[in-house]
Amino acid sequence: MLLKALEYYPPAELPAVFPYSVPVFADLPKVEFEASITFLVGENGSGKSTFIETLACAADSITAGSEGIHTDPTLAAVRNFSKHFKLIWTKRTRKGFFLRAEDFFGYAKQVAQMRAEMESDMAQIDRDYSSAGRSKTAKGLALMPYARELHEIKQSYGEGGLDANSHGEGFFKFFQRRFTGEGLYLMDEPEAALSPMRQLAFLRLLKESVGRGAQFVIATHSPIIMAYPGAVIWGFDGGAMRPVDYAQTEHVLITRDFINHPDIYLNSVLGDL
C-alpha cells in the first residue's frame, strides 16, 4: 500500500452546507486501505464521489482534466473540506492521477491543443532555418524534441489523436497510456464509456498496474469492475460507510435479478407491456 489510511477530524459544529451535510460524513470511521484496489459503491447521492474528490484534494493529486486540483472551480467546496482529512502513508507519492468521467474531455482537448502547437512550432522552425540557410543537420536537431513528442502521441492515440477515436476507445487508450506504474490512482466511474468487453480489458490493465506498484481507489456502479478478485468494497448506502461483500452489493443483486426476471422489473417500472 502507498496510502495506508484516512482519518476524518470534523469541526466541533458541522456546517449545514455541502459537503458537511452529506450523511456519510456525520460519523465517518477511520478508513484503512487493506488492498491494492478499493471500490466505493452506493446509490447516486450517497457520497462516494464526494469522498473520492476530497481524497484527491487531500492527497494533492495530479488531475487528468484541463483544470488542476487547486484551481478547478467544481472542487472548491471539497478543497476546504479536505482540510479535515489526515492521510497516513506507507510511501508518500504524487504519482498517479485523479479522474472523473467528465474530465476526460478536458484531457482530450489538452492533447489536441498540445499537438497543434507542436506542429505549428515545427512549421515555424522549418521556415526560419530554411530562410536563414541553416544546414539540414541543424534544422533536424531543432525539430528532434518536437518530433519525438509527436511520435509518442501518435503511438499512444493514433494518427488522429484521441478525438479520432470513439468515446469508449479514447477512454481506454487514455488508461493504457496513463497507468504508468507505481502511484495512487483515484477514479470516479471509469466505466462510463466502456462496453462490457472493454470493462473486462480494463480489469487486465488494473492487474498489470498493481503488479508495478499501483494503488487504486475507484467509485463505480459496474458489477464487472467491482468483481476484481481480492479488492475491498466499501458501501455508502444508508448514510454510513461500511465494508460489503461483492455478492451483497445492490448492483450485483439487482443486475442478477433483472437478468433472471426482466419482465417483473419492466412491468413494475413501465406497467403492463
Protein backbone atom coordinates (compact mmCIF):
# COMPACT_ATOMS: atom_id res chain seq x y z
CA MET A 1 0.00 0.00 0.00
CA LEU A 2 1.06 3.57 -0.73
CA LEU A 3 -1.89 5.13 1.08
CA LYS A 4 -2.41 3.23 4.33
CA ALA A 5 -5.34 5.00 5.99
CA LEU A 6 -7.53 8.08 6.17
CA GLU A 7 -8.76 9.80 9.32
CA TYR A 8 -11.51 12.42 9.47
CA TYR A 9 -11.45 15.21 12.06
CA PRO A 10 -14.69 17.19 11.63
CA PRO A 11 -15.21 20.62 13.16
CA ALA A 12 -16.96 20.76 16.54
CA GLU A 13 -20.10 22.01 14.85
CA LEU A 14 -20.83 20.69 11.37
CA PRO A 15 -21.88 23.48 8.98
CA ALA A 16 -25.23 22.78 7.36
CA VAL A 17 -23.70 23.05 3.88
CA PHE A 18 -22.29 20.66 1.32
CA PRO A 19 -20.26 18.51 1.76
CA TYR A 20 -20.53 18.56 5.57
CA SER A 21 -24.24 17.88 5.17
CA VAL A 22 -23.74 14.59 3.28
CA PRO A 23 -24.98 11.94 5.77
CA VAL A 24 -21.97 9.63 5.36
CA PHE A 25 -19.69 12.35 6.81
CA ALA A 26 -21.70 12.68 10.01
CA ASP A 27 -19.81 9.73 11.52
CA LEU A 28 -17.09 8.68 9.10
CA PRO A 29 -14.91 5.90 10.50
CA LYS A 30 -11.16 5.62 10.08
CA VAL A 31 -10.73 4.15 6.61
CA GLU A 32 -7.89 1.66 6.31
CA PHE A 33 -6.79 0.68 2.82
CA GLU A 34 -6.03 -3.02 3.03
CA ALA A 35 -5.84 -3.94 -0.66
CA SER A 36 -4.26 -2.51 -3.78
CA ILE A 37 -7.74 -1.90 -5.15
CA THR A 38 -10.58 -0.35 -3.15
CA PHE A 39 -14.03 0.15 -4.64
CA LEU A 40 -16.61 2.67 -3.44
CA VAL A 41 -20.19 1.69 -4.25
CA GLY A 42 -23.60 3.10 -3.48
CA GLU A 43 -26.65 4.88 -4.80
CA ASN A 44 -26.41 8.25 -6.55
CA GLY A 45 -26.02 10.96 -3.93
CA SER A 46 -24.67 8.60 -1.27
CA GLY A 47 -21.35 10.49 -1.03
CA LYS A 48 -18.88 8.21 -2.80
CA SER A 49 -17.97 10.78 -5.49
CA THR A 50 -17.58 13.49 -2.85
CA PHE A 51 -15.38 11.15 -0.83
CA ILE A 52 -13.04 10.44 -3.75
CA GLU A 53 -12.88 14.13 -4.74
CA THR A 54 -11.99 15.05 -1.16
CA LEU A 55 -9.39 12.30 -1.06
CA ALA A 56 -7.86 13.66 -4.27
CA CYS A 57 -7.64 17.16 -2.76
CA ALA A 58 -6.15 15.85 0.49
CA ALA A 59 -3.57 13.84 -1.48
CA ASP A 60 -2.79 16.82 -3.76
CA SER A 61 -3.35 14.53 -6.74
CA ILE A 62 -2.48 15.37 -10.30
CA THR A 63 -5.69 15.75 -12.28
CA ALA A 64 -6.31 14.23 -15.67
CA GLY A 65 -8.59 17.06 -16.80
CA SER A 66 -7.89 20.56 -18.02
CA GLU A 67 -8.17 22.09 -14.52
CA GLY A 68 -5.74 21.47 -11.68
CA ILE A 69 -6.72 20.24 -8.23
CA HIS A 70 -6.10 23.74 -6.78
CA THR A 71 -7.95 25.69 -9.48
CA ASP A 72 -10.90 23.56 -10.57
CA PRO A 73 -13.99 25.57 -9.51
CA THR A 74 -16.08 22.38 -9.22
CA LEU A 75 -13.78 21.25 -6.39
CA ALA A 76 -13.95 24.47 -4.37
CA ALA A 77 -16.18 23.04 -1.63
CA VAL A 78 -14.24 19.80 -1.21
CA ARG A 79 -10.87 21.60 -1.22
CA ASN A 80 -11.89 23.31 2.03
CA PHE A 81 -13.48 20.12 3.35
CA SER A 82 -10.30 18.13 2.69
CA LYS A 83 -8.50 20.09 5.43
CA HIS A 84 -10.33 17.87 7.92
CA PHE A 85 -8.79 14.71 6.44
CA LYS A 86 -5.47 13.27 7.56
CA LEU A 87 -3.79 10.80 5.20
CA ILE A 88 -1.46 8.16 6.58
CA TRP A 89 1.07 6.96 4.04
CA THR A 90 3.36 3.99 3.81
CA LYS A 91 5.10 5.83 0.99
CA ARG A 92 4.07 9.38 0.14
CA THR A 93 3.57 9.91 -3.57
CA ARG A 94 2.08 12.31 -6.09
CA LYS A 95 2.43 9.81 -8.90
CA GLY A 96 -0.81 8.60 -10.41
CA PHE A 97 -3.81 10.83 -11.09
CA PHE A 98 -7.38 11.78 -10.22
CA LEU A 99 -10.03 11.30 -12.90
CA ARG A 100 -13.77 11.87 -13.11
CA ALA A 101 -15.51 10.59 -16.22
CA GLU A 102 -16.27 14.14 -17.37
CA ASP A 103 -12.61 15.18 -17.02
CA PHE A 104 -11.64 13.01 -19.98
CA PHE A 105 -12.94 15.61 -22.44
CA GLY A 106 -10.62 18.21 -20.93
CA TYR A 107 -7.69 15.84 -21.25
CA ALA A 108 -8.50 15.04 -24.89
CA LYS A 109 -8.68 18.79 -25.59
CA GLN A 110 -5.29 19.30 -23.93
CA VAL A 111 -3.67 16.59 -26.05
CA ALA A 112 -5.17 18.02 -29.27
CA GLN A 113 -4.04 21.54 -28.37
CA MET A 114 -0.53 20.38 -27.47
CA ARG A 115 -0.26 18.51 -30.76
CA ALA A 116 -1.44 21.53 -32.77
CA GLU A 117 1.05 23.83 -31.02
CA MET A 118 3.95 21.46 -31.65
CA GLU A 119 3.05 21.11 -35.32
CA SER A 120 2.86 24.91 -35.60
CA ASP A 121 6.24 25.31 -33.87
CA MET A 122 7.80 22.73 -36.19
CA ALA A 123 6.48 24.55 -39.24
CA GLN A 124 7.93 27.82 -37.93
CA ILE A 125 11.33 26.20 -37.27
CA ASP A 126 11.32 24.79 -40.79
CA ARG A 127 10.63 28.26 -42.25
CA ASP A 128 13.18 30.03 -40.05
CA TYR A 129 16.02 27.58 -40.68
CA SER A 130 15.30 27.41 -44.42
CA SER A 131 15.22 31.20 -44.86
CA ALA A 132 18.42 31.55 -42.84
CA GLY A 133 20.19 28.96 -44.96
CA ARG A 134 20.90 26.72 -41.97
CA SER A 135 22.00 23.15 -42.62
CA LYS A 136 19.61 20.21 -42.65
CA THR A 137 21.52 18.81 -39.67
CA ALA A 138 20.92 21.93 -37.61
CA LYS A 139 17.26 22.01 -38.57
CA GLY A 140 16.90 18.32 -37.75
CA LEU A 141 18.38 18.84 -34.28
CA ALA A 142 15.99 21.72 -33.63
CA LEU A 143 13.00 19.65 -34.74
CA MET A 144 14.00 16.49 -32.88
CA PRO A 145 12.30 17.17 -29.48
CA TYR A 146 9.03 18.03 -31.19
CA ALA A 147 9.21 15.02 -33.48
CA ARG A 148 9.77 12.68 -30.55
CA GLU A 149 6.79 14.02 -28.61
CA LEU A 150 4.52 13.92 -31.67
CA HIS A 151 5.60 10.35 -32.35
CA GLU A 152 4.74 9.39 -28.77
CA ILE A 153 1.27 10.95 -29.04
CA LYS A 154 0.60 9.18 -32.33
CA GLN A 155 1.87 5.88 -30.93
CA SER A 156 -0.42 6.23 -27.93
CA TYR A 157 -3.57 7.58 -29.54
CA GLY A 158 -3.23 7.01 -33.29
CA GLU A 159 -2.65 9.41 -36.15
CA GLY A 160 -5.81 11.39 -35.42
CA GLY A 161 -5.31 11.60 -31.65
CA LEU A 162 -7.96 10.93 -29.03
CA ASP A 163 -10.56 12.90 -30.97
CA ALA A 164 -10.33 10.42 -33.85
CA ASN A 165 -11.43 7.55 -31.59
CA SER A 166 -14.89 6.70 -30.36
CA HIS A 167 -15.57 7.89 -26.82
CA GLY A 168 -15.01 4.39 -25.43
CA GLU A 169 -11.86 3.77 -27.48
CA GLY A 170 -10.40 7.11 -26.43
CA PHE A 171 -11.19 6.38 -22.79
CA PHE A 172 -9.47 3.00 -22.95
CA LYS A 173 -6.40 4.38 -24.72
CA PHE A 174 -6.19 7.04 -22.03
CA PHE A 175 -5.98 4.34 -19.36
CA GLN A 176 -3.42 2.39 -21.36
CA ARG A 177 -1.18 5.45 -21.58
CA ARG A 178 -1.65 6.88 -18.10
CA PHE A 179 -1.40 3.71 -15.98
CA THR A 180 2.36 4.03 -15.85
CA GLY A 181 3.16 2.04 -12.72
CA GLU A 182 3.63 2.99 -9.07
CA GLY A 183 1.22 5.71 -7.98
CA LEU A 184 -2.15 6.43 -6.40
CA TYR A 185 -4.96 6.38 -8.96
CA LEU A 186 -8.29 7.89 -7.87
CA MET A 187 -11.17 7.45 -10.32
CA ASP A 188 -14.88 8.18 -10.35
CA GLU A 189 -16.90 5.91 -12.66
CA PRO A 190 -14.16 4.95 -15.13
CA GLU A 191 -16.63 2.53 -16.74
CA ALA A 192 -18.78 5.40 -18.03
CA ALA A 193 -17.72 4.99 -21.68
CA LEU A 194 -16.57 1.37 -21.63
CA SER A 195 -18.52 -1.54 -23.11
CA PRO A 196 -18.71 -4.78 -21.08
CA MET A 197 -15.81 -6.22 -23.10
CA ARG A 198 -13.74 -3.07 -22.54
CA GLN A 199 -14.52 -3.29 -18.83
CA LEU A 200 -13.06 -6.79 -18.77
CA ALA A 201 -9.97 -5.47 -20.57
CA PHE A 202 -9.86 -2.65 -18.00
CA LEU A 203 -9.56 -5.29 -15.26
CA ARG A 204 -6.47 -6.59 -17.03
CA LEU A 205 -4.97 -3.09 -17.00
CA LEU A 206 -5.65 -2.89 -13.28
CA LYS A 207 -3.86 -6.19 -12.67
CA GLU A 208 -0.82 -5.16 -14.71
CA SER A 209 -0.63 -1.80 -12.92
CA VAL A 210 -0.96 -3.36 -9.46
CA GLY A 211 1.94 -5.61 -10.42
CA ARG A 212 4.01 -2.44 -10.98
CA GLY A 213 3.12 -0.95 -7.61
CA ALA A 214 -0.07 0.99 -8.33
CA GLN A 215 -2.88 1.52 -5.83
CA PHE A 216 -6.45 2.28 -6.92
CA VAL A 217 -9.47 3.81 -5.20
CA ILE A 218 -12.41 3.66 -7.60
CA ALA A 219 -16.03 4.75 -7.29
CA THR A 220 -18.08 2.56 -9.62
CA HIS A 221 -21.53 1.24 -10.48
CA SER A 222 -20.17 -1.61 -12.60
CA PRO A 223 -20.67 -5.18 -11.30
CA ILE A 224 -17.95 -6.25 -13.76
CA ILE A 225 -15.30 -3.86 -12.49
CA MET A 226 -16.07 -4.31 -8.79
CA ALA A 227 -15.65 -8.08 -9.23
CA TYR A 228 -11.84 -7.71 -9.27
CA PRO A 229 -10.51 -10.58 -7.11
CA GLY A 230 -9.19 -9.53 -3.72
CA ALA A 231 -10.48 -5.97 -3.90
CA VAL A 232 -12.06 -4.34 -0.86
CA ILE A 233 -15.53 -2.86 -1.39
CA TRP A 234 -16.90 -0.04 0.76
CA GLY A 235 -20.65 0.60 0.58
CA PHE A 236 -22.06 4.10 1.09
CA ASP A 237 -25.78 3.37 1.32
CA GLY A 238 -27.84 4.11 4.41
CA GLY A 239 -25.83 7.17 5.40
CA ALA A 240 -22.81 5.16 6.54
CA MET A 241 -19.59 3.82 5.06
CA ARG A 242 -19.04 0.12 5.72
CA PRO A 243 -17.35 -2.90 4.09
CA VAL A 244 -19.65 -5.01 1.91
CA ASP A 245 -19.28 -8.36 0.14
CA TYR A 246 -19.40 -8.29 -3.64
CA ALA A 247 -22.36 -10.69 -3.83
CA GLN A 248 -24.37 -8.50 -1.44
CA THR A 249 -23.95 -5.18 -3.26
CA GLU A 250 -27.17 -3.75 -4.60
CA HIS A 251 -25.59 -3.50 -8.05
CA VAL A 252 -24.97 -7.24 -8.21
CA LEU A 253 -28.28 -8.26 -6.63
CA ILE A 254 -30.41 -6.09 -8.92
CA THR A 255 -28.41 -6.87 -12.07
CA ARG A 256 -28.57 -10.62 -11.44
CA ASP A 257 -32.28 -10.50 -10.58
CA PHE A 258 -33.07 -8.33 -13.60
CA ILE A 259 -31.32 -10.72 -15.98
CA ASN A 260 -33.26 -13.65 -14.50
CA HIS A 261 -36.62 -11.85 -14.30
CA PRO A 262 -36.66 -8.84 -16.66
CA ASP A 263 -40.44 -8.84 -17.09
CA ILE A 264 -41.04 -8.29 -13.39
CA TYR A 265 -38.82 -5.20 -13.33
CA LEU A 266 -40.06 -3.79 -16.63
CA ASN A 267 -43.68 -4.20 -15.64
CA SER A 268 -43.08 -2.52 -12.30
CA VAL A 269 -41.44 0.47 -13.98
CA LEU A 270 -43.31 0.71 -17.28
CA GLY A 271 -46.59 -1.00 -16.46
CA ASP A 272 -48.03 -3.92 -18.38
CA LEU A 273 -46.39 -4.24 -21.79
